[in-house]
């Protein structure tokens, strides 16, 4: 499992909705790309979701991460994000539409279990 960086790409299930990533730590980088830690992918803006209709709400925000935080590695006490990060969006139908990592933003560093 690769570490997720600020150059990573996370999309909603509709593939065109891209999550705006930001980091809360600047101590650890990979190729000068900051590593994302716990809570960084949560509550982020999603732009470009094509799921639009009269009674359909497009994905506009990420909700809590369900899986994808390291159980072993931490930065300042916060678990690092892995390329397995997955959670729900605020899109319709509620509780169904997920976001996932398309690209971790680096290909060098992995966590091996």
PDB file of N, CA and C in Angstrom:
ATOM      1  N   UNK A   1       0.840  -1.170   0.000  1.00  0.00           N
ATOM      2  CA  UNK A   1       0.000   0.000   0.000  1.00  0.00           C
ATOM      3  C   UNK A   1       0.891   1.242   0.000  1.00  0.00           C
ATOM      4  N   UNK A   2       0.644   2.107  -0.935  1.00  0.00           N
ATOM      5  CA  UNK A   2       1.451   3.313  -1.067  1.00  0.00           C
ATOM      6  C   UNK A   2       0.931   4.423  -0.153  1.00  0.00           C
ATOM      7  N   UNK A   3       1.858   5.278   0.271  1.00  0.00           N
ATOM      8  CA  UNK A   3       1.482   6.448   1.065  1.00  0.00           C
ATOM      9  C   UNK A   3       0.825   7.468   0.142  1.00  0.00           C
ATOM     10  N   UNK A   4      -0.165   8.169   0.655  1.00  0.00           N
ATOM     11  CA  UNK A   4      -0.895   9.177  -0.103  1.00  0.00           C
ATOM     12  C   UNK A   4      -0.269  10.553   0.127  1.00  0.00           C
ATOM     13  N   UNK A   5      -0.024  11.291  -0.961  1.00  0.00           N
ATOM     14  CA  UNK A   5       0.565  12.630  -0.844  1.00  0.00           C
ATOM     15  C   UNK A   5      -0.402  13.692  -1.358  1.00  0.00           C
ATOM     16  N   UNK A   6      -0.001  14.932  -1.166  1.00  0.00           N
ATOM     17  CA  UNK A   6      -0.821  16.059  -1.610  1.00  0.00           C
ATOM     18  C   UNK A   6      -0.992  16.084  -3.130  1.00  0.00           C
ATOM     19  N   UNK A   7      -0.157  15.374  -3.872  1.00  0.00           N
ATOM     20  CA  UNK A   7      -0.286  15.284  -5.328  1.00  0.00           C
ATOM     21  C   UNK A   7      -1.199  14.129  -5.739  1.00  0.00           C
ATOM     22  N   UNK A   8      -1.747  13.422  -4.777  1.00  0.00           N
ATOM     23  CA  UNK A   8      -2.628  12.297  -5.065  1.00  0.00           C
ATOM     24  C   UNK A   8      -3.925  12.753  -5.713  1.00  0.00           C
ATOM     25  N   UNK A   9      -4.623  11.778  -6.299  1.00  0.00           N
ATOM     26  CA  UNK A   9      -5.917  12.058  -6.925  1.00  0.00           C
ATOM     27  C   UNK A   9      -6.954  11.147  -6.282  1.00  0.00           C
ATOM     28  N   UNK A  10      -7.951  11.776  -5.672  1.00  0.00           N
ATOM     29  CA  UNK A  10      -9.084  11.056  -5.091  1.00  0.00           C
ATOM     30  C   UNK A  10     -10.317  11.503  -5.858  1.00  0.00           C
ATOM     31  N   UNK A  11     -11.147  10.548  -6.267  1.00  0.00           N
ATOM     32  CA  UNK A  11     -12.358  10.874  -7.013  1.00  0.00           C
ATOM     33  C   UNK A  11     -13.575  10.231  -6.370  1.00  0.00           C
ATOM     34  N   UNK A  12     -14.733  10.818  -6.655  1.00  0.00           N
ATOM     35  CA  UNK A  12     -15.980  10.193  -6.227  1.00  0.00           C
ATOM     36  C   UNK A  12     -16.268   9.024  -7.163  1.00  0.00           C
ATOM     37  N   UNK A  13     -17.239   8.218  -6.811  1.00  0.00           N
ATOM     38  CA  UNK A  13     -17.594   7.024  -7.585  1.00  0.00           C
ATOM     39  C   UNK A  13     -17.962   7.370  -9.032  1.00  0.00           C
ATOM     40  N   UNK A  14     -18.351   8.600  -9.258  1.00  0.00           N
ATOM     41  CA  UNK A  14     -18.753   9.029 -10.604  1.00  0.00           C
ATOM     42  C   UNK A  14     -17.554   9.379 -11.487  1.00  0.00           C
ATOM     43  N   UNK A  15     -16.332   9.179 -10.966  1.00  0.00           N
ATOM     44  CA  UNK A  15     -15.050   9.292 -11.672  1.00  0.00           C
ATOM     45  C   UNK A  15     -14.618  10.705 -12.066  1.00  0.00           C
ATOM     46  N   UNK A  16     -15.529  11.620 -12.302  1.00  0.00           N
ATOM     47  CA  UNK A  16     -15.134  12.966 -12.723  1.00  0.00           C
ATOM     48  C   UNK A  16     -15.065  13.946 -11.555  1.00  0.00           C
ATOM     49  N   UNK A  17     -15.633  13.584 -10.433  1.00  0.00           N
ATOM     50  CA  UNK A  17     -15.586  14.440  -9.251  1.00  0.00           C
ATOM     51  C   UNK A  17     -14.253  14.293  -8.545  1.00  0.00           C
ATOM     52  N   UNK A  18     -13.443  15.345  -8.536  1.00  0.00           N
ATOM     53  CA  UNK A  18     -12.092  15.299  -7.976  1.00  0.00           C
ATOM     54  C   UNK A  18     -12.060  16.025  -6.630  1.00  0.00           C
ATOM     55  N   UNK A  19     -11.431  15.387  -5.654  1.00  0.00           N
ATOM     56  CA  UNK A  19     -11.318  15.927  -4.296  1.00  0.00           C
ATOM     57  C   UNK A  19     -10.124  16.885  -4.217  1.00  0.00           C
ATOM     58  N   UNK A  20     -10.353  18.057  -3.647  1.00  0.00           N
ATOM     59  CA  UNK A  20      -9.271  19.022  -3.410  1.00  0.00           C
ATOM     60  C   UNK A  20      -8.540  18.612  -2.141  1.00  0.00           C
ATOM     61  N   UNK A  21      -7.266  18.268  -2.264  1.00  0.00           N
ATOM     62  CA  UNK A  21      -6.499  17.779  -1.123  1.00  0.00           C
ATOM     63  C   UNK A  21      -5.660  18.888  -0.498  1.00  0.00           C
ATOM     64  N   UNK A  22      -5.506  18.821   0.803  1.00  0.00           N
ATOM     65  CA  UNK A  22      -4.636  19.732   1.548  1.00  0.00           C
ATOM     66  C   UNK A  22      -4.058  18.940   2.714  1.00  0.00           C
ATOM     67  N   UNK A  23      -2.872  19.333   3.151  1.00  0.00           N
ATOM     68  CA  UNK A  23      -2.222  18.615   4.244  1.00  0.00           C
ATOM     69  C   UNK A  23      -2.174  19.464   5.502  1.00  0.00           C
ATOM     70  N   UNK A  24      -2.117  18.776   6.635  1.00  0.00           N
ATOM     71  CA  UNK A  24      -2.025  19.481   7.914  1.00  0.00           C
ATOM     72  C   UNK A  24      -0.655  19.313   8.552  1.00  0.00           C
ATOM     73  N   UNK A  25       0.261  18.646   7.844  1.00  0.00           N
ATOM     74  CA  UNK A  25       1.620  18.486   8.365  1.00  0.00           C
ATOM     75  C   UNK A  25       2.605  18.806   7.252  1.00  0.00           C
ATOM     76  N   UNK A  26       3.793  19.277   7.623  1.00  0.00           N
ATOM     77  CA  UNK A  26       4.814  19.551   6.617  1.00  0.00           C
ATOM     78  C   UNK A  26       6.173  18.966   7.002  1.00  0.00           C
ATOM     79  N   UNK A  27       6.165  18.051   7.954  1.00  0.00           N
ATOM     80  CA  UNK A  27       7.401  17.432   8.416  1.00  0.00           C
ATOM     81  C   UNK A  27       7.895  16.345   7.464  1.00  0.00           C
ATOM     82  N   UNK A  28       6.984  15.504   6.972  1.00  0.00           N
ATOM     83  CA  UNK A  28       7.363  14.360   6.143  1.00  0.00           C
ATOM     84  C   UNK A  28       6.900  14.582   4.706  1.00  0.00           C
ATOM     85  N   UNK A  29       7.855  14.422   3.771  1.00  0.00           N
ATOM     86  CA  UNK A  29       7.546  14.552   2.356  1.00  0.00           C
ATOM     87  C   UNK A  29       8.163  13.374   1.592  1.00  0.00           C
ATOM     88  N   UNK A  30       7.626  13.141   0.415  1.00  0.00           N
ATOM     89  CA  UNK A  30       8.179  12.168  -0.529  1.00  0.00           C
ATOM     90  C   UNK A  30       8.344  12.931  -1.836  1.00  0.00           C
ATOM     91  N   UNK A  31       9.570  13.061  -2.306  1.00  0.00           N
ATOM     92  CA  UNK A  31       9.851  13.857  -3.498  1.00  0.00           C
ATOM     93  C   UNK A  31       9.260  15.264  -3.373  1.00  0.00           C
ATOM     94  N   UNK A  32       9.415  15.856  -2.213  1.00  0.00           N
ATOM     95  CA  UNK A  32       8.936  17.200  -1.891  1.00  0.00           C
ATOM     96  C   UNK A  32       7.411  17.327  -1.940  1.00  0.00           C
ATOM     97  N   UNK A  33       6.728  16.208  -1.798  1.00  0.00           N
ATOM     98  CA  UNK A  33       5.264  16.184  -1.750  1.00  0.00           C
ATOM     99  C   UNK A  33       4.864  15.814  -0.333  1.00  0.00           C
ATOM    100  N   UNK A  34       4.081  16.638   0.312  1.00  0.00           N
ATOM    101  CA  UNK A  34       3.682  16.391   1.689  1.00  0.00           C
ATOM    102  C   UNK A  34       2.784  15.153   1.780  1.00  0.00           C
ATOM    103  N   UNK A  35       3.021  14.358   2.813  1.00  0.00           N
ATOM    104  CA  UNK A  35       2.238  13.151   3.059  1.00  0.00           C
ATOM    105  C   UNK A  35       0.953  13.539   3.790  1.00  0.00           C
ATOM    106  N   UNK A  36      -0.170  12.969   3.364  1.00  0.00           N
ATOM    107  CA  UNK A  36      -1.443  13.214   4.038  1.00  0.00           C
ATOM    108  C   UNK A  36      -1.545  12.360   5.287  1.00  0.00           C
ATOM    109  N   UNK A  37      -2.160  12.912   6.314  1.00  0.00           N
ATOM    110  CA  UNK A  37      -2.359  12.211   7.575  1.00  0.00           C
ATOM    111  C   UNK A  37      -3.842  12.208   7.927  1.00  0.00           C
ATOM    112  N   UNK A  38      -4.139  11.528   9.002  1.00  0.00           N
ATOM    113  CA  UNK A  38      -5.505  11.367   9.497  1.00  0.00           C
ATOM    114  C   UNK A  38      -6.289  12.675   9.447  1.00  0.00           C
ATOM    115  N   UNK A  39      -7.480  12.611   8.935  1.00  0.00           N
ATOM    116  CA  UNK A  39      -8.446  13.698   8.776  1.00  0.00           C
ATOM    117  C   UNK A  39      -8.184  14.600   7.572  1.00  0.00           C
ATOM    118  N   UNK A  40      -7.014  14.516   6.934  1.00  0.00           N
ATOM    119  CA  UNK A  40      -6.747  15.370   5.776  1.00  0.00           C
ATOM    120  C   UNK A  40      -7.755  15.170   4.639  1.00  0.00           C
ATOM    121  N   UNK A  41      -8.182  13.933   4.319  1.00  0.00           N
ATOM    122  CA  UNK A  41      -9.133  13.766   3.205  1.00  0.00           C
ATOM    123  C   UNK A  41     -10.595  14.060   3.580  1.00  0.00           C
ATOM    124  N   UNK A  42     -10.867  14.337   4.836  1.00  0.00           N
ATOM    125  CA  UNK A  42     -12.250  14.487   5.294  1.00  0.00           C
ATOM    126  C   UNK A  42     -12.728  15.936   5.198  1.00  0.00           C
ATOM    127  N   UNK A  43     -13.977  16.107   4.775  1.00  0.00           N
ATOM    128  CA  UNK A  43     -14.567  17.435   4.681  1.00  0.00           C
ATOM    129  C   UNK A  43     -14.020  18.267   3.533  1.00  0.00           C
ATOM    130  N   UNK A  44     -13.432  17.618   2.546  1.00  0.00           N
ATOM    131  CA  UNK A  44     -12.811  18.327   1.415  1.00  0.00           C
ATOM    132  C   UNK A  44     -13.804  18.544   0.277  1.00  0.00           C
ATOM    133  N   UNK A  45     -13.587  19.606  -0.453  1.00  0.00           N
ATOM    134  CA  UNK A  45     -14.415  19.983  -1.592  1.00  0.00           C
ATOM    135  C   UNK A  45     -14.215  18.999  -2.745  1.00  0.00           C
ATOM    136  N   UNK A  46     -15.321  18.631  -3.388  1.00  0.00           N
ATOM    137  CA  UNK A  46     -15.292  17.802  -4.590  1.00  0.00           C
ATOM    138  C   UNK A  46     -15.831  18.654  -5.728  1.00  0.00           C
ATOM    139  N   UNK A  47     -15.065  18.760  -6.809  1.00  0.00           N
ATOM    140  CA  UNK A  47     -15.506  19.530  -7.965  1.00  0.00           C
ATOM    141  C   UNK A  47     -15.619  18.635  -9.188  1.00  0.00           C
ATOM    142  N   UNK A  48     -16.576  18.944 -10.050  1.00  0.00           N
ATOM    143  CA  UNK A  48     -16.709  18.237 -11.317  1.00  0.00           C
ATOM    144  C   UNK A  48     -17.567  16.991 -11.302  1.00  0.00           C
ATOM    145  N   UNK A  49     -18.263  16.708 -10.218  1.00  0.00           N
ATOM    146  CA  UNK A  49     -19.111  15.510 -10.174  1.00  0.00           C
ATOM    147  C   UNK A  49     -20.257  15.677 -11.183  1.00  0.00           C
ATOM    148  N   UNK A  50     -20.412  14.709 -12.096  1.00  0.00           N
ATOM    149  CA  UNK A  50     -21.453  14.813 -13.116  1.00  0.00           C
ATOM    150  C   UNK A  50     -22.823  14.308 -12.672  1.00  0.00           C
ATOM    151  N   UNK A  51     -22.961  13.883 -11.440  1.00  0.00           N
ATOM    152  CA  UNK A  51     -24.217  13.309 -10.943  1.00  0.00           C
ATOM    153  C   UNK A  51     -25.203  14.442 -10.641  1.00  0.00           C
ATOM    154  N   UNK A  52     -25.842  14.956 -11.691  1.00  0.00           N
ATOM    155  CA  UNK A  52     -26.714  16.125 -11.554  1.00  0.00           C
ATOM    156  C   UNK A  52     -28.082  15.797 -12.122  1.00  0.00           C
ATOM    157  N   UNK A  53     -29.115  16.280 -11.454  1.00  0.00           N
ATOM    158  CA  UNK A  53     -30.476  16.077 -11.923  1.00  0.00           C
ATOM    159  C   UNK A  53     -31.455  16.822 -11.041  1.00  0.00           C
ATOM    160  N   UNK A  54     -32.734  16.737 -11.364  1.00  0.00           N
ATOM    161  CA  UNK A  54     -33.767  17.482 -10.634  1.00  0.00           C
ATOM    162  C   UNK A  54     -33.803  17.115  -9.154  1.00  0.00           C
ATOM    163  N   UNK A  55     -33.694  15.866  -8.833  1.00  0.00           N
ATOM    164  CA  UNK A  55     -33.741  15.443  -7.420  1.00  0.00           C
ATOM    165  C   UNK A  55     -32.433  14.770  -7.005  1.00  0.00           C
ATOM    166  N   UNK A  56     -31.381  15.027  -7.764  1.00  0.00           N
ATOM    167  CA  UNK A  56     -30.094  14.393  -7.502  1.00  0.00           C
ATOM    168  C   UNK A  56     -29.084  15.440  -7.064  1.00  0.00           C
ATOM    169  N   UNK A  57     -28.400  15.161  -5.967  1.00  0.00           N
ATOM    170  CA  UNK A  57     -27.369  16.065  -5.467  1.00  0.00           C
ATOM    171  C   UNK A  57     -26.009  15.521  -5.890  1.00  0.00           C
ATOM    172  N   UNK A  58     -25.193  16.339  -6.582  1.00  0.00           N
ATOM    173  CA  UNK A  58     -23.849  15.879  -6.933  1.00  0.00           C
ATOM    174  C   UNK A  58     -22.971  15.780  -5.691  1.00  0.00           C
ATOM    175  N   UNK A  59     -21.895  15.063  -5.797  1.00  0.00           N
ATOM    176  CA  UNK A  59     -20.930  14.971  -4.709  1.00  0.00           C
ATOM    177  C   UNK A  59     -20.197  16.313  -4.611  1.00  0.00           C
ATOM    178  N   UNK A  60     -20.245  16.943  -3.434  1.00  0.00           N
ATOM    179  CA  UNK A  60     -19.565  18.228  -3.261  1.00  0.00           C
ATOM    180  C   UNK A  60     -18.592  18.214  -2.090  1.00  0.00           C
ATOM    181  N   UNK A  61     -18.700  17.239  -1.182  1.00  0.00           N
ATOM    182  CA  UNK A  61     -17.807  17.136  -0.020  1.00  0.00           C
ATOM    183  C   UNK A  61     -17.553  15.686   0.326  1.00  0.00           C
ATOM    184  N   UNK A  62     -16.349  15.434   0.860  1.00  0.00           N
ATOM    185  CA  UNK A  62     -16.041  14.108   1.392  1.00  0.00           C
ATOM    186  C   UNK A  62     -16.521  14.046   2.836  1.00  0.00           C
ATOM    187  N   UNK A  63     -16.923  12.872   3.250  1.00  0.00           N
ATOM    188  CA  UNK A  63     -17.289  12.638   4.647  1.00  0.00           C
ATOM    189  C   UNK A  63     -16.121  11.885   5.288  1.00  0.00           C
ATOM    190  N   UNK A  64     -16.342  11.272   6.441  1.00  0.00           N
ATOM    191  CA  UNK A  64     -15.273  10.587   7.175  1.00  0.00           C
ATOM    192  C   UNK A  64     -14.668   9.429   6.382  1.00  0.00           C
ATOM    193  N   UNK A  65     -13.387   9.235   6.571  1.00  0.00           N
ATOM    194  CA  UNK A  65     -12.696   8.092   5.982  1.00  0.00           C
ATOM    195  C   UNK A  65     -13.166   6.836   6.705  1.00  0.00           C
ATOM    196  N   UNK A  66     -13.546   5.815   5.937  1.00  0.00           N
ATOM    197  CA  UNK A  66     -13.976   4.546   6.538  1.00  0.00           C
ATOM    198  C   UNK A  66     -12.797   3.591   6.718  1.00  0.00           C
ATOM    199  N   UNK A  67     -11.936   3.508   5.722  1.00  0.00           N
ATOM    200  CA  UNK A  67     -10.724   2.696   5.790  1.00  0.00           C
ATOM    201  C   UNK A  67      -9.611   3.421   5.046  1.00  0.00           C
ATOM    202  N   UNK A  68      -8.354   3.060   5.364  1.00  0.00           N
ATOM    203  CA  UNK A  68      -7.242   3.607   4.616  1.00  0.00           C
ATOM    204  C   UNK A  68      -6.211   4.348   5.438  1.00  0.00           C
ATOM    205  N   UNK A  69      -6.396   4.400   6.756  1.00  0.00           N
ATOM    206  CA  UNK A  69      -5.363   4.971   7.618  1.00  0.00           C
ATOM    207  C   UNK A  69      -4.450   3.841   8.079  1.00  0.00           C
ATOM    208  N   UNK A  70      -3.155   4.129   8.166  1.00  0.00           N
ATOM    209  CA  UNK A  70      -2.198   3.127   8.614  1.00  0.00           C
ATOM    210  C   UNK A  70      -2.441   2.767  10.083  1.00  0.00           C
ATOM    211  N   UNK A  71      -2.327   1.494  10.391  1.00  0.00           N
ATOM    212  CA  UNK A  71      -2.416   1.053  11.788  1.00  0.00           C
ATOM    213  C   UNK A  71      -1.055   1.095  12.467  1.00  0.00           C
ATOM    214  N   UNK A  72       0.001   1.339  11.685  1.00  0.00           N
ATOM    215  CA  UNK A  72       1.352   1.258  12.222  1.00  0.00           C
ATOM    216  C   UNK A  72       2.132   2.561  12.206  1.00  0.00           C
ATOM    217  N   UNK A  73       1.923   3.376  11.196  1.00  0.00           N
ATOM    218  CA  UNK A  73       2.750   4.567  11.013  1.00  0.00           C
ATOM    219  C   UNK A  73       1.977   5.845  11.323  1.00  0.00           C
ATOM    220  N   UNK A  74       2.670   6.745  12.043  1.00  0.00           N
ATOM    221  CA  UNK A  74       2.060   8.017  12.436  1.00  0.00           C
ATOM    222  C   UNK A  74       3.049   9.154  12.264  1.00  0.00           C
ATOM    223  N   UNK A  75       2.511  10.343  12.035  1.00  0.00           N
ATOM    224  CA  UNK A  75       3.292  11.573  12.011  1.00  0.00           C
ATOM    225  C   UNK A  75       2.633  12.509  13.012  1.00  0.00           C
ATOM    226  N   UNK A  76       3.372  12.942  14.006  1.00  0.00           N
ATOM    227  CA  UNK A  76       2.826  13.785  15.087  1.00  0.00           C
ATOM    228  C   UNK A  76       1.584  13.146  15.710  1.00  0.00           C
ATOM    229  N   UNK A  77       1.586  11.824  15.828  1.00  0.00           N
ATOM    230  CA  UNK A  77       0.471  11.111  16.454  1.00  0.00           C
ATOM    231  C   UNK A  77      -0.708  10.847  15.534  1.00  0.00           C
ATOM    232  N   UNK A  78      -0.670  11.335  14.308  1.00  0.00           N
ATOM    233  CA  UNK A  78      -1.767  11.113  13.366  1.00  0.00           C
ATOM    234  C   UNK A  78      -1.377  10.016  12.375  1.00  0.00           C
ATOM    235  N   UNK A  79      -2.295   9.082  12.143  1.00  0.00           N
ATOM    236  CA  UNK A  79      -2.035   7.983  11.217  1.00  0.00           C
ATOM    237  C   UNK A  79      -1.854   8.519   9.794  1.00  0.00           C
ATOM    238  N   UNK A  80      -0.938   7.921   9.044  1.00  0.00           N
ATOM    239  CA  UNK A  80      -0.755   8.351   7.659  1.00  0.00           C
ATOM    240  C   UNK A  80      -1.861   7.769   6.786  1.00  0.00           C
ATOM    241  N   UNK A  81      -2.133   8.446   5.681  1.00  0.00           N
ATOM    242  CA  UNK A  81      -3.120   7.986   4.712  1.00  0.00           C
ATOM    243  C   UNK A  81      -2.445   7.074   3.698  1.00  0.00           C
ATOM    244  N   UNK A  82      -3.119   5.995   3.365  1.00  0.00           N
ATOM    245  CA  UNK A  82      -2.636   5.041   2.376  1.00  0.00           C
ATOM    246  C   UNK A  82      -3.492   5.133   1.120  1.00  0.00           C
ATOM    247  N   UNK A  83      -3.036   4.464   0.059  1.00  0.00           N
ATOM    248  CA  UNK A  83      -3.795   4.513  -1.193  1.00  0.00           C
ATOM    249  C   UNK A  83      -5.082   3.693  -1.147  1.00  0.00           C
ATOM    250  N   UNK A  84      -5.415   3.180   0.015  1.00  0.00           N
ATOM    251  CA  UNK A  84      -6.675   2.451   0.210  1.00  0.00           C
ATOM    252  C   UNK A  84      -7.752   3.328   0.853  1.00  0.00           C
ATOM    253  N   UNK A  85      -7.480   4.625   1.004  1.00  0.00           N
ATOM    254  CA  UNK A  85      -8.452   5.541   1.624  1.00  0.00           C
ATOM    255  C   UNK A  85      -9.775   5.476   0.859  1.00  0.00           C
ATOM    256  N   UNK A  86     -10.838   5.251   1.613  1.00  0.00           N
ATOM    257  CA  UNK A  86     -12.192   5.187   1.070  1.00  0.00           C
ATOM    258  C   UNK A  86     -13.159   5.749   2.100  1.00  0.00           C
ATOM    259  N   UNK A  87     -14.170   6.443   1.628  1.00  0.00           N
ATOM    260  CA  UNK A  87     -15.211   6.967   2.501  1.00  0.00           C
ATOM    261  C   UNK A  87     -16.406   7.375   1.665  1.00  0.00           C
ATOM    262  N   UNK A  88     -17.405   7.923   2.314  1.00  0.00           N
ATOM    263  CA  UNK A  88     -18.613   8.361   1.621  1.00  0.00           C
ATOM    264  C   UNK A  88     -18.531   9.833   1.249  1.00  0.00           C
ATOM    265  N   UNK A  89     -19.303  10.205   0.223  1.00  0.00           N
ATOM    266  CA  UNK A  89     -19.465  11.610  -0.133  1.00  0.00           C
ATOM    267  C   UNK A  89     -20.845  12.066   0.330  1.00  0.00           C
ATOM    268  N   UNK A  90     -21.126  13.354   0.144  1.00  0.00           N
ATOM    269  CA  UNK A  90     -22.448  13.880   0.495  1.00  0.00           C
ATOM    270  C   UNK A  90     -23.427  13.804  -0.671  1.00  0.00           C
ATOM    271  N   UNK A  91     -23.052  13.117  -1.755  1.00  0.00           N
ATOM    272  CA  UNK A  91     -23.915  12.999  -2.932  1.00  0.00           C
ATOM    273  C   UNK A  91     -25.076  12.043  -2.709  1.00  0.00           C
ATOM    274  N   UNK A  92     -26.026  12.045  -3.646  1.00  0.00           N
ATOM    275  CA  UNK A  92     -27.180  11.161  -3.551  1.00  0.00           C
ATOM    276  C   UNK A  92     -26.943   9.907  -4.391  1.00  0.00           C
ATOM    277  N   UNK A  93     -27.542   8.802  -3.969  1.00  0.00           N
ATOM    278  CA  UNK A  93     -28.307   8.607  -2.753  1.00  0.00           C
ATOM    279  C   UNK A  93     -27.415   8.618  -1.514  1.00  0.00           C
ATOM    280  N   UNK A  94     -27.907   9.187  -0.417  1.00  0.00           N
ATOM    281  CA  UNK A  94     -27.109   9.291   0.810  1.00  0.00           C
ATOM    282  C   UNK A  94     -26.638   7.918   1.296  1.00  0.00           C
ATOM    283  N   UNK A  95     -25.392   7.878   1.766  1.00  0.00           N
ATOM    284  CA  UNK A  95     -24.851   6.653   2.331  1.00  0.00           C
ATOM    285  C   UNK A  95     -24.446   5.612   1.310  1.00  0.00           C
ATOM    286  N   UNK A  96     -24.349   5.988   0.028  1.00  0.00           N
ATOM    287  CA  UNK A  96     -24.032   5.026  -1.017  1.00  0.00           C
ATOM    288  C   UNK A  96     -22.791   5.419  -1.819  1.00  0.00           C
ATOM    289  N   UNK A  97     -22.664   6.685  -2.171  1.00  0.00           N
ATOM    290  CA  UNK A  97     -21.603   7.129  -3.076  1.00  0.00           C
ATOM    291  C   UNK A  97     -20.283   7.287  -2.318  1.00  0.00           C
ATOM    292  N   UNK A  98     -19.275   6.593  -2.784  1.00  0.00           N
ATOM    293  CA  UNK A  98     -17.966   6.606  -2.119  1.00  0.00           C
ATOM    294  C   UNK A  98     -16.943   7.412  -2.907  1.00  0.00           C
ATOM    295  N   UNK A  99     -15.866   7.777  -2.207  1.00  0.00           N
ATOM    296  CA  UNK A  99     -14.685   8.326  -2.868  1.00  0.00           C
ATOM    297  C   UNK A  99     -13.540   7.353  -2.649  1.00  0.00           C
ATOM    298  N   UNK A 100     -12.633   7.281  -3.625  1.00  0.00           N
ATOM    299  CA  UNK A 100     -11.496   6.374  -3.562  1.00  0.00           C
ATOM    300  C   UNK A 100     -10.276   7.040  -4.198  1.00  0.00           C
ATOM    301  N   UNK A 101      -9.123   6.463  -3.927  1.00  0.00           N
ATOM    302  CA  UNK A 101      -7.865   6.981  -4.471  1.00  0.00           C
ATOM    303  C   UNK A 101      -7.669   6.434  -5.879  1.00  0.00           C
ATOM    304  N   UNK A 102      -7.462   7.319  -6.823  1.00  0.00           N
ATOM    305  CA  UNK A 102      -7.121   6.928  -8.196  1.00  0.00           C
ATOM    306  C   UNK A 102      -5.605   6.859  -8.362  1.00  0.00           C
ATOM    307  N   UNK A 103      -4.904   7.796  -7.698  1.00  0.00           N
ATOM    308  CA  UNK A 103      -3.445   7.860  -7.803  1.00  0.00           C
ATOM    309  C   UNK A 103      -2.914   8.395  -6.475  1.00  0.00           C
ATOM    310  N   UNK A 104      -1.960   7.708  -5.830  1.00  0.00           N
ATOM    311  CA  UNK A 104      -1.460   8.158  -4.528  1.00  0.00           C
ATOM    312  C   UNK A 104      -0.552   9.390  -4.594  1.00  0.00           C
ATOM    313  N   UNK A 105      -0.114   9.773  -5.803  1.00  0.00           N
ATOM    314  CA  UNK A 105       0.735  10.952  -5.925  1.00  0.00           C
ATOM    315  C   UNK A 105       2.211  10.666  -5.756  1.00  0.00           C
ATOM    316  N   UNK A 106       2.577   9.410  -5.618  1.00  0.00           N
ATOM    317  CA  UNK A 106       3.971   8.994  -5.557  1.00  0.00           C
ATOM    318  C   UNK A 106       4.028   7.486  -5.727  1.00  0.00           C
ATOM    319  N   UNK A 107       5.173   6.984  -6.180  1.00  0.00           N
ATOM    320  CA  UNK A 107       5.313   5.547  -6.438  1.00  0.00           C
ATOM    321  C   UNK A 107       6.499   4.928  -5.690  1.00  0.00           C
ATOM    322  N   UNK A 108       7.064   5.649  -4.724  1.00  0.00           N
ATOM    323  CA  UNK A 108       8.269   5.172  -4.059  1.00  0.00           C
ATOM    324  C   UNK A 108       8.044   4.475  -2.714  1.00  0.00           C
ATOM    325  N   UNK A 109       7.209   5.061  -1.873  1.00  0.00           N
ATOM    326  CA  UNK A 109       7.107   4.611  -0.490  1.00  0.00           C
ATOM    327  C   UNK A 109       5.831   3.811  -0.269  1.00  0.00           C
ATOM    328  N   UNK A 110       6.007   2.612   0.334  1.00  0.00           N
ATOM    329  CA  UNK A 110       4.880   1.740   0.627  1.00  0.00           C
ATOM    330  C   UNK A 110       4.915   1.301   2.080  1.00  0.00           C
ATOM    331  N   UNK A 111       3.771   0.855   2.533  1.00  0.00           N
ATOM    332  CA  UNK A 111       3.681   0.221   3.851  1.00  0.00           C
ATOM    333  C   UNK A 111       3.468  -1.261   3.592  1.00  0.00           C
ATOM    334  N   UNK A 112       4.320  -2.078   4.167  1.00  0.00           N
ATOM    335  CA  UNK A 112       4.214  -3.519   3.996  1.00  0.00           C
ATOM    336  C   UNK A 112       3.766  -4.115   5.314  1.00  0.00           C
ATOM    337  N   UNK A 113       2.744  -4.930   5.270  1.00  0.00           N
ATOM    338  CA  UNK A 113       2.229  -5.543   6.492  1.00  0.00           C
ATOM    339  C   UNK A 113       2.959  -6.820   6.799  1.00  0.00           C
TER     340      UNK A 113
END
